[in-house]
Amino acid sequence: MVRGSRAALSSVQSGLDKALSDFLVCPFSKHPLRLCKETHSLINDELGVSYPIVDGIPCLFPKDGKLLKDKDASKPCDSVSSSREST
């Protein structure tokens, strides 16, 4: 039990798993989201909306989304793009 708890805790601390980020889409537009490690959020570049990641869990409720300024949405933060964006 303790080992499982530690493993789960370390995965939460490491952030959102890359494989999971490939499946997540914006609840409004259904477009892929970009993972931004700098702000710990998922970003929809088309709409300019940022969704926070809290304790490794993406908060994709529309009320949790934050509108970004134009310069923030295009900001090339230390991010990992979804593999579906290139297809």
N, C-alpha and C. Protein backbone atom coordinates (compact mmCIF):
# COMPACT_ATOMS: atom_id res chain seq x y z
N MET A 1 0.82 -1.19 0.00
CA MET A 1 0.00 0.00 0.00
C MET A 1 0.86 1.26 0.00
N VAL A 2 1.91 1.25 0.80
CA VAL A 2 2.77 2.42 0.89
C VAL A 2 3.49 2.65 -0.43
N ARG A 3 3.99 1.58 -1.06
CA ARG A 3 4.68 1.73 -2.34
C ARG A 3 3.75 2.29 -3.40
N GLY A 4 2.53 1.79 -3.45
CA GLY A 4 1.57 2.29 -4.42
C GLY A 4 1.25 3.76 -4.19
N SER A 5 1.12 4.15 -2.95
CA SER A 5 0.84 5.55 -2.63
C SER A 5 1.99 6.44 -3.03
N ARG A 6 3.22 6.00 -2.78
CA ARG A 6 4.38 6.80 -3.18
C ARG A 6 4.48 6.92 -4.68
N ALA A 7 4.20 5.83 -5.38
CA ALA A 7 4.25 5.87 -6.85
C ALA A 7 3.20 6.82 -7.40
N ALA A 8 2.00 6.77 -6.83
CA ALA A 8 0.93 7.66 -7.28
C ALA A 8 1.28 9.10 -6.98
N LEU A 9 1.85 9.34 -5.82
CA LEU A 9 2.22 10.69 -5.43
C LEU A 9 3.31 11.25 -6.34
N SER A 10 4.30 10.42 -6.70
CA SER A 10 5.38 10.89 -7.56
C SER A 10 4.86 11.18 -8.96
N SER A 11 3.88 10.41 -9.44
CA SER A 11 3.34 10.68 -10.77
C SER A 11 2.54 11.97 -10.78
N VAL A 12 1.87 12.28 -9.69
CA VAL A 12 1.12 13.54 -9.59
C VAL A 12 2.09 14.71 -9.57
N GLN A 13 3.18 14.56 -8.85
CA GLN A 13 4.15 15.64 -8.75
C GLN A 13 4.85 15.88 -10.07
N SER A 14 5.00 14.87 -10.90
CA SER A 14 5.69 15.04 -12.18
C SER A 14 4.82 15.75 -13.21
N GLY A 15 3.55 15.93 -12.92
CA GLY A 15 2.67 16.64 -13.84
C GLY A 15 1.84 15.70 -14.68
N LEU A 16 1.29 16.26 -15.71
CA LEU A 16 0.40 15.52 -16.59
C LEU A 16 1.20 14.60 -17.51
N ASP A 17 0.78 13.37 -17.62
CA ASP A 17 1.44 12.40 -18.46
C ASP A 17 1.30 12.78 -19.93
N LYS A 18 2.36 12.64 -20.71
CA LYS A 18 2.36 13.00 -22.13
C LYS A 18 1.29 12.23 -22.89
N ALA A 19 1.13 10.94 -22.61
CA ALA A 19 0.13 10.13 -23.30
C ALA A 19 -1.27 10.65 -23.04
N LEU A 20 -1.54 11.07 -21.81
CA LEU A 20 -2.86 11.60 -21.47
C LEU A 20 -3.10 12.93 -22.18
N SER A 21 -2.07 13.75 -22.28
CA SER A 21 -2.25 15.05 -22.94
C SER A 21 -2.58 14.90 -24.42
N ASP A 22 -2.25 13.76 -25.02
CA ASP A 22 -2.58 13.53 -26.43
C ASP A 22 -4.08 13.33 -26.64
N PHE A 23 -4.80 12.93 -25.59
CA PHE A 23 -6.23 12.65 -25.70
C PHE A 23 -7.12 13.81 -25.26
N LEU A 24 -6.57 14.73 -24.52
CA LEU A 24 -7.37 15.82 -23.97
C LEU A 24 -7.64 16.89 -25.02
N VAL A 25 -8.88 17.36 -25.05
CA VAL A 25 -9.28 18.41 -25.98
C VAL A 25 -10.02 19.51 -25.23
N CYS A 26 -10.12 20.65 -25.84
CA CYS A 26 -10.84 21.78 -25.26
C CYS A 26 -12.33 21.44 -25.16
N PRO A 27 -12.96 21.71 -24.02
CA PRO A 27 -14.39 21.41 -23.90
C PRO A 27 -15.27 22.29 -24.78
N PHE A 28 -14.75 23.43 -25.23
CA PHE A 28 -15.53 24.31 -26.11
C PHE A 28 -15.38 23.91 -27.58
N SER A 29 -14.15 23.90 -28.07
CA SER A 29 -13.92 23.72 -29.51
C SER A 29 -13.58 22.29 -29.91
N LYS A 30 -13.24 21.46 -28.94
CA LYS A 30 -12.82 20.07 -29.18
C LYS A 30 -11.50 19.99 -29.95
N HIS A 31 -10.72 21.06 -29.94
CA HIS A 31 -9.39 21.07 -30.55
C HIS A 31 -8.36 20.61 -29.53
N PRO A 32 -7.23 20.06 -30.00
CA PRO A 32 -6.19 19.60 -29.07
C PRO A 32 -5.66 20.74 -28.21
N LEU A 33 -5.19 20.38 -27.03
CA LEU A 33 -4.63 21.35 -26.10
C LEU A 33 -3.12 21.19 -26.04
N ARG A 34 -2.44 22.29 -25.83
CA ARG A 34 -0.98 22.31 -25.71
C ARG A 34 -0.62 22.35 -24.23
N LEU A 35 0.29 21.47 -23.83
CA LEU A 35 0.73 21.42 -22.44
C LEU A 35 1.84 22.45 -22.24
N CYS A 36 1.63 23.37 -21.32
CA CYS A 36 2.62 24.39 -21.00
C CYS A 36 3.18 24.09 -19.62
N LYS A 37 4.43 23.66 -19.58
CA LYS A 37 5.05 23.30 -18.29
C LYS A 37 5.36 24.54 -17.46
N GLU A 38 5.58 25.66 -18.12
CA GLU A 38 5.91 26.89 -17.41
C GLU A 38 4.75 27.38 -16.53
N THR A 39 3.54 27.32 -17.07
CA THR A 39 2.37 27.80 -16.33
C THR A 39 1.55 26.66 -15.72
N HIS A 40 1.97 25.42 -15.94
CA HIS A 40 1.24 24.24 -15.45
C HIS A 40 -0.22 24.30 -15.89
N SER A 41 -0.40 24.44 -17.20
CA SER A 41 -1.75 24.52 -17.74
C SER A 41 -1.82 23.91 -19.13
N LEU A 42 -3.04 23.68 -19.57
CA LEU A 42 -3.31 23.22 -20.93
C LEU A 42 -3.88 24.41 -21.69
N ILE A 43 -3.36 24.67 -22.88
CA ILE A 43 -3.73 25.88 -23.61
C ILE A 43 -4.34 25.53 -24.95
N ASN A 44 -5.46 26.16 -25.25
CA ASN A 44 -6.06 26.10 -26.57
C ASN A 44 -5.61 27.37 -27.30
N ASP A 45 -4.69 27.21 -28.24
CA ASP A 45 -4.14 28.36 -28.95
C ASP A 45 -5.16 29.05 -29.85
N GLU A 46 -6.11 28.28 -30.39
CA GLU A 46 -7.09 28.86 -31.30
C GLU A 46 -8.05 29.81 -30.59
N LEU A 47 -8.49 29.44 -29.40
CA LEU A 47 -9.42 30.27 -28.65
C LEU A 47 -8.73 31.19 -27.65
N GLY A 48 -7.47 30.88 -27.33
CA GLY A 48 -6.75 31.66 -26.33
C GLY A 48 -7.27 31.41 -24.93
N VAL A 49 -7.52 30.13 -24.62
CA VAL A 49 -8.04 29.75 -23.30
C VAL A 49 -7.02 28.83 -22.63
N SER A 50 -6.80 29.06 -21.33
CA SER A 50 -5.87 28.26 -20.55
C SER A 50 -6.65 27.53 -19.45
N TYR A 51 -6.39 26.23 -19.32
CA TYR A 51 -7.02 25.42 -18.27
C TYR A 51 -5.94 24.98 -17.29
N PRO A 52 -6.14 25.21 -16.00
CA PRO A 52 -5.10 24.86 -15.01
C PRO A 52 -4.98 23.35 -14.80
N ILE A 53 -3.80 22.95 -14.36
CA ILE A 53 -3.56 21.57 -13.92
C ILE A 53 -3.27 21.65 -12.43
N VAL A 54 -4.15 21.06 -11.62
CA VAL A 54 -4.03 21.12 -10.17
C VAL A 54 -3.73 19.72 -9.64
N ASP A 55 -2.59 19.57 -8.98
CA ASP A 55 -2.16 18.28 -8.44
C ASP A 55 -2.15 17.20 -9.52
N GLY A 56 -1.74 17.57 -10.73
CA GLY A 56 -1.66 16.60 -11.82
C GLY A 56 -2.98 16.31 -12.51
N ILE A 57 -4.05 17.00 -12.11
CA ILE A 57 -5.37 16.76 -12.68
C ILE A 57 -5.80 17.99 -13.48
N PRO A 58 -6.04 17.82 -14.80
CA PRO A 58 -6.48 18.96 -15.60
C PRO A 58 -7.90 19.37 -15.25
N CYS A 59 -8.11 20.65 -15.03
CA CYS A 59 -9.44 21.19 -14.72
C CYS A 59 -10.04 21.72 -16.02
N LEU A 60 -10.84 20.89 -16.68
CA LEU A 60 -11.37 21.23 -17.99
C LEU A 60 -12.83 21.67 -17.95
N PHE A 61 -13.30 22.08 -16.80
CA PHE A 61 -14.64 22.65 -16.74
C PHE A 61 -14.58 24.04 -17.39
N PRO A 62 -15.58 24.39 -18.17
CA PRO A 62 -15.55 25.71 -18.81
C PRO A 62 -15.33 26.86 -17.82
N LYS A 63 -15.86 26.74 -16.60
CA LYS A 63 -15.69 27.83 -15.62
C LYS A 63 -14.25 27.96 -15.14
N ASP A 64 -13.45 26.90 -15.30
CA ASP A 64 -12.04 26.94 -14.89
C ASP A 64 -11.13 27.55 -15.94
N GLY A 65 -11.61 27.65 -17.17
CA GLY A 65 -10.81 28.22 -18.25
C GLY A 65 -10.58 29.71 -18.05
N LYS A 66 -9.38 30.14 -18.43
CA LYS A 66 -9.03 31.55 -18.29
C LYS A 66 -8.66 32.09 -19.67
N LEU A 67 -9.29 33.18 -20.06
CA LEU A 67 -8.96 33.80 -21.34
C LEU A 67 -7.57 34.42 -21.26
N LEU A 68 -6.79 34.17 -22.28
CA LEU A 68 -5.44 34.71 -22.34
C LEU A 68 -5.42 35.94 -23.24
N LYS A 69 -4.50 36.81 -22.96
CA LYS A 69 -4.28 37.94 -23.86
C LYS A 69 -3.62 37.39 -25.11
N ASP A 70 -3.73 38.10 -26.21
CA ASP A 70 -3.18 37.63 -27.48
C ASP A 70 -1.71 37.25 -27.38
N LYS A 71 -0.93 38.06 -26.69
CA LYS A 71 0.50 37.76 -26.59
C LYS A 71 0.78 36.54 -25.72
N ASP A 72 -0.10 36.24 -24.75
CA ASP A 72 0.08 35.08 -23.91
C ASP A 72 -0.25 33.78 -24.65
N ALA A 73 -1.25 33.82 -25.53
CA ALA A 73 -1.67 32.63 -26.24
C ALA A 73 -0.60 32.17 -27.22
N SER A 74 0.12 33.10 -27.81
CA SER A 74 1.14 32.72 -28.79
C SER A 74 2.51 32.58 -28.16
N LYS A 75 2.60 32.78 -26.86
CA LYS A 75 3.88 32.71 -26.15
C LYS A 75 4.44 31.28 -26.23
N PRO A 76 5.65 31.13 -26.72
CA PRO A 76 6.22 29.79 -26.87
C PRO A 76 6.83 29.29 -25.56
N CYS A 77 6.00 29.07 -24.54
CA CYS A 77 6.52 28.62 -23.25
C CYS A 77 7.09 27.21 -23.41
N ASP A 78 7.79 26.75 -22.41
CA ASP A 78 8.37 25.42 -22.40
C ASP A 78 7.23 24.42 -22.44
N SER A 79 6.86 24.01 -23.64
CA SER A 79 5.66 23.21 -23.78
C SER A 79 5.92 21.93 -24.58
N VAL A 80 4.97 21.03 -24.48
CA VAL A 80 4.97 19.81 -25.24
C VAL A 80 3.69 19.82 -26.04
N SER A 81 3.80 19.86 -27.36
CA SER A 81 2.61 19.91 -28.20
C SER A 81 2.02 18.52 -28.32
N SER A 82 0.74 18.49 -28.53
CA SER A 82 0.05 17.23 -28.75
C SER A 82 0.46 16.67 -30.10
N SER A 83 0.61 15.36 -30.20
CA SER A 83 1.02 14.75 -31.45
C SER A 83 -0.08 14.86 -32.51
N ARG A 84 -1.32 15.07 -32.10
CA ARG A 84 -2.41 15.20 -33.06
C ARG A 84 -2.38 16.54 -33.76
N GLU A 85 -1.69 17.52 -33.22
CA GLU A 85 -1.62 18.83 -33.85
C GLU A 85 -0.87 18.76 -35.17
N SER A 86 0.10 17.87 -35.27
CA SER A 86 0.92 17.78 -36.47
C SER A 86 0.25 16.98 -37.57
N THR A 87 -0.85 16.31 -37.26
CA THR A 87 -1.52 15.49 -38.28
C THR A 87 -2.66 16.21 -38.90
